Amino acid sequence: MERRGVEKVVIDEPIKKLQSWDSMQQQKRELLFRKLHKLKKEKLKYALEAANAARKMAQAEIEAEITIDQLENPEIDFS
């Protein structure tokens, strides 16, 4: 009977180490997934900011052209 108990301890130890290693790897995967998700959100945020800046610049350019046209041609109503 004692011998089986000894064998069980010898077998259980590598299993516990493997489970611990697997748990650690799972935590690493989850951490990397969260970091990747955060980076993707930041990338989308910056892309949206860039698109909004480009839209504002285009709007300002159009308004500037209208202002120049109004100055050059005061008889035309641009409103």
N, C-alpha and C. Protein backbone atom coordinates (compact mmCIF):
# COMPACT_ATOMS: atom_id res chain seq x y z
N MET A 1 0.82 -1.19 0.00
CA MET A 1 0.00 0.00 0.00
C MET A 1 0.86 1.26 0.00
N GLU A 2 1.91 1.26 0.78
CA GLU A 2 2.77 2.45 0.85
C GLU A 2 3.38 2.76 -0.51
N ARG A 3 3.74 1.72 -1.20
CA ARG A 3 4.39 1.94 -2.47
C ARG A 3 3.48 2.70 -3.44
N ARG A 4 2.20 2.36 -3.47
CA ARG A 4 1.28 3.09 -4.34
C ARG A 4 1.20 4.56 -3.96
N GLY A 5 1.19 4.84 -2.69
CA GLY A 5 1.16 6.23 -2.23
C GLY A 5 2.40 6.98 -2.69
N VAL A 6 3.56 6.34 -2.66
CA VAL A 6 4.79 6.97 -3.10
C VAL A 6 4.74 7.22 -4.59
N GLU A 7 4.27 6.23 -5.34
CA GLU A 7 4.17 6.40 -6.80
C GLU A 7 3.20 7.53 -7.14
N LYS A 8 2.12 7.62 -6.39
CA LYS A 8 1.14 8.67 -6.66
C LYS A 8 1.77 10.05 -6.47
N VAL A 9 2.55 10.21 -5.43
CA VAL A 9 3.21 11.49 -5.19
C VAL A 9 4.18 11.80 -6.32
N VAL A 10 4.91 10.79 -6.76
CA VAL A 10 5.87 10.98 -7.85
C VAL A 10 5.15 11.36 -9.13
N ILE A 11 3.98 10.80 -9.38
CA ILE A 11 3.22 11.12 -10.59
C ILE A 11 2.50 12.47 -10.44
N ASP A 12 1.98 12.75 -9.25
CA ASP A 12 1.24 13.99 -9.03
C ASP A 12 2.12 15.23 -9.15
N GLU A 13 3.37 15.13 -8.75
CA GLU A 13 4.26 16.30 -8.79
C GLU A 13 4.44 16.85 -10.20
N PRO A 14 4.76 16.02 -11.21
CA PRO A 14 4.87 16.57 -12.58
C PRO A 14 3.53 17.10 -13.10
N ILE A 15 2.44 16.47 -12.70
CA ILE A 15 1.12 16.94 -13.14
C ILE A 15 0.85 18.32 -12.56
N LYS A 16 1.18 18.52 -11.29
CA LYS A 16 0.99 19.83 -10.66
C LYS A 16 1.86 20.89 -11.34
N LYS A 17 3.09 20.52 -11.67
CA LYS A 17 3.97 21.46 -12.36
C LYS A 17 3.42 21.82 -13.73
N LEU A 18 2.90 20.82 -14.44
CA LEU A 18 2.33 21.07 -15.76
C LEU A 18 1.09 21.95 -15.66
N GLN A 19 0.24 21.69 -14.67
CA GLN A 19 -0.95 22.52 -14.49
C GLN A 19 -0.56 23.96 -14.15
N SER A 20 0.45 24.11 -13.31
CA SER A 20 0.92 25.44 -12.95
C SER A 20 1.48 26.16 -14.18
N TRP A 21 2.26 25.45 -14.98
CA TRP A 21 2.83 26.03 -16.20
C TRP A 21 1.71 26.42 -17.16
N ASP A 22 0.71 25.53 -17.31
CA ASP A 22 -0.41 25.80 -18.21
C ASP A 22 -1.20 27.03 -17.74
N SER A 23 -1.38 27.14 -16.45
CA SER A 23 -2.09 28.29 -15.89
C SER A 23 -1.30 29.57 -16.17
N MET A 24 0.01 29.51 -16.01
CA MET A 24 0.85 30.67 -16.27
C MET A 24 0.78 31.07 -17.76
N GLN A 25 0.81 30.07 -18.64
CA GLN A 25 0.72 30.36 -20.07
C GLN A 25 -0.64 30.97 -20.42
N GLN A 26 -1.69 30.49 -19.78
CA GLN A 26 -3.03 31.05 -20.01
C GLN A 26 -3.08 32.50 -19.58
N GLN A 27 -2.47 32.82 -18.44
CA GLN A 27 -2.43 34.21 -17.97
C GLN A 27 -1.66 35.09 -18.95
N LYS A 28 -0.57 34.57 -19.49
CA LYS A 28 0.21 35.33 -20.47
C LYS A 28 -0.61 35.59 -21.72
N ARG A 29 -1.33 34.56 -22.20
CA ARG A 29 -2.17 34.74 -23.39
C ARG A 29 -3.25 35.79 -23.15
N GLU A 30 -3.88 35.75 -21.98
CA GLU A 30 -4.92 36.73 -21.66
C GLU A 30 -4.34 38.14 -21.59
N LEU A 31 -3.17 38.27 -20.99
CA LEU A 31 -2.52 39.59 -20.91
C LEU A 31 -2.19 40.12 -22.30
N LEU A 32 -1.63 39.27 -23.15
CA LEU A 32 -1.30 39.68 -24.52
C LEU A 32 -2.56 40.05 -25.30
N PHE A 33 -3.64 39.29 -25.09
CA PHE A 33 -4.90 39.59 -25.77
C PHE A 33 -5.42 40.96 -25.34
N ARG A 34 -5.35 41.25 -24.02
CA ARG A 34 -5.82 42.56 -23.54
C ARG A 34 -4.96 43.68 -24.10
N LYS A 35 -3.64 43.48 -24.17
CA LYS A 35 -2.76 44.50 -24.73
C LYS A 35 -3.07 44.74 -26.20
N LEU A 36 -3.27 43.66 -26.95
CA LEU A 36 -3.60 43.78 -28.37
C LEU A 36 -4.92 44.52 -28.56
N HIS A 37 -5.91 44.18 -27.74
CA HIS A 37 -7.21 44.84 -27.83
C HIS A 37 -7.07 46.33 -27.54
N LYS A 38 -6.26 46.67 -26.54
CA LYS A 38 -6.03 48.07 -26.19
C LYS A 38 -5.34 48.81 -27.35
N LEU A 39 -4.35 48.17 -27.97
CA LEU A 39 -3.65 48.78 -29.09
C LEU A 39 -4.59 49.01 -30.28
N LYS A 40 -5.47 48.03 -30.54
CA LYS A 40 -6.42 48.19 -31.64
C LYS A 40 -7.37 49.36 -31.35
N LYS A 41 -7.82 49.48 -30.09
CA LYS A 41 -8.70 50.60 -29.74
C LYS A 41 -7.98 51.93 -29.93
N GLU A 42 -6.71 51.99 -29.50
CA GLU A 42 -5.94 53.22 -29.67
C GLU A 42 -5.75 53.55 -31.15
N LYS A 43 -5.49 52.53 -31.95
CA LYS A 43 -5.30 52.74 -33.39
C LYS A 43 -6.57 53.31 -34.00
N LEU A 44 -7.72 52.75 -33.64
CA LEU A 44 -8.99 53.27 -34.15
C LEU A 44 -9.25 54.69 -33.68
N LYS A 45 -8.89 54.96 -32.42
CA LYS A 45 -9.07 56.30 -31.87
C LYS A 45 -8.25 57.31 -32.66
N TYR A 46 -6.98 56.98 -32.92
CA TYR A 46 -6.12 57.90 -33.66
C TYR A 46 -6.57 58.04 -35.11
N ALA A 47 -7.06 56.97 -35.70
CA ALA A 47 -7.56 57.04 -37.08
C ALA A 47 -8.79 57.96 -37.13
N LEU A 48 -9.65 57.86 -36.13
CA LEU A 48 -10.83 58.72 -36.08
C LEU A 48 -10.43 60.18 -35.89
N GLU A 49 -9.45 60.41 -35.01
CA GLU A 49 -8.97 61.78 -34.81
C GLU A 49 -8.37 62.34 -36.09
N ALA A 50 -7.62 61.54 -36.82
CA ALA A 50 -7.02 61.99 -38.08
C ALA A 50 -8.10 62.30 -39.11
N ALA A 51 -9.12 61.44 -39.17
CA ALA A 51 -10.21 61.68 -40.12
C ALA A 51 -10.96 62.96 -39.78
N ASN A 52 -11.19 63.18 -38.50
CA ASN A 52 -11.87 64.41 -38.09
C ASN A 52 -11.02 65.64 -38.40
N ALA A 53 -9.72 65.54 -38.17
CA ALA A 53 -8.83 66.66 -38.49
C ALA A 53 -8.83 66.94 -39.99
N ALA A 54 -8.81 65.90 -40.81
CA ALA A 54 -8.84 66.08 -42.26
C ALA A 54 -10.16 66.71 -42.70
N ARG A 55 -11.25 66.28 -42.08
CA ARG A 55 -12.56 66.84 -42.41
C ARG A 55 -12.61 68.33 -42.05
N LYS A 56 -12.08 68.67 -40.87
CA LYS A 56 -12.06 70.08 -40.45
C LYS A 56 -11.19 70.93 -41.38
N MET A 57 -10.06 70.36 -41.81
CA MET A 57 -9.19 71.10 -42.74
C MET A 57 -9.89 71.31 -44.07
N ALA A 58 -10.58 70.29 -44.55
CA ALA A 58 -11.30 70.42 -45.82
C ALA A 58 -12.41 71.46 -45.70
N GLN A 59 -13.12 71.44 -44.56
CA GLN A 59 -14.18 72.41 -44.33
C GLN A 59 -13.60 73.83 -44.28
N ALA A 60 -12.48 73.98 -43.60
CA ALA A 60 -11.84 75.31 -43.50
C ALA A 60 -11.37 75.78 -44.88
N GLU A 61 -10.87 74.85 -45.70
CA GLU A 61 -10.43 75.21 -47.04
C GLU A 61 -11.61 75.67 -47.90
N ILE A 62 -12.72 74.97 -47.78
CA ILE A 62 -13.92 75.36 -48.53
C ILE A 62 -14.40 76.74 -48.08
N GLU A 63 -14.42 76.95 -46.77
CA GLU A 63 -14.86 78.25 -46.25
C GLU A 63 -13.91 79.36 -46.69
N ALA A 64 -12.62 79.07 -46.74
CA ALA A 64 -11.64 80.07 -47.19
C ALA A 64 -11.86 80.39 -48.66
N GLU A 65 -12.14 79.38 -49.47
CA GLU A 65 -12.39 79.62 -50.90
C GLU A 65 -13.64 80.45 -51.09
N ILE A 66 -14.68 80.17 -50.30
CA ILE A 66 -15.91 80.95 -50.40
C ILE A 66 -15.64 82.40 -50.01
N THR A 67 -14.86 82.58 -48.94
CA THR A 67 -14.53 83.94 -48.50
C THR A 67 -13.74 84.68 -49.58
N ILE A 68 -12.78 84.02 -50.19
CA ILE A 68 -12.00 84.64 -51.27
C ILE A 68 -12.91 84.98 -52.43
N ASP A 69 -13.81 84.05 -52.79
CA ASP A 69 -14.75 84.31 -53.89
C ASP A 69 -15.67 85.49 -53.55
N GLN A 70 -16.09 85.58 -52.29
CA GLN A 70 -16.95 86.70 -51.88
C GLN A 70 -16.20 88.02 -51.99
N LEU A 71 -14.92 87.99 -51.63
CA LEU A 71 -14.12 89.23 -51.71
C LEU A 71 -13.88 89.62 -53.16
N GLU A 72 -13.67 88.60 -54.01
CA GLU A 72 -13.40 88.90 -55.42
C GLU A 72 -14.67 89.26 -56.17
N ASN A 73 -15.79 88.69 -55.76
CA ASN A 73 -17.07 88.92 -56.45
C ASN A 73 -18.14 89.31 -55.43
N PRO A 74 -18.13 90.53 -54.95
CA PRO A 74 -19.10 90.93 -53.91
C PRO A 74 -20.55 90.92 -54.39
N GLU A 75 -20.76 90.92 -55.69
CA GLU A 75 -22.14 90.96 -56.20
C GLU A 75 -22.83 89.59 -56.13
N ILE A 76 -22.07 88.49 -55.94
CA ILE A 76 -22.65 87.14 -55.88
C ILE A 76 -22.95 86.78 -54.42
N ASP A 77 -24.18 86.29 -54.19
CA ASP A 77 -24.58 85.87 -52.83
C ASP A 77 -24.27 84.38 -52.67
N PHE A 78 -23.36 84.04 -51.76
CA PHE A 78 -22.94 82.65 -51.56
C PHE A 78 -23.69 81.94 -50.44
N SER A 79 -24.67 82.58 -49.84
CA SER A 79 -25.36 81.95 -48.71
C SER A 79 -26.46 81.02 -49.11
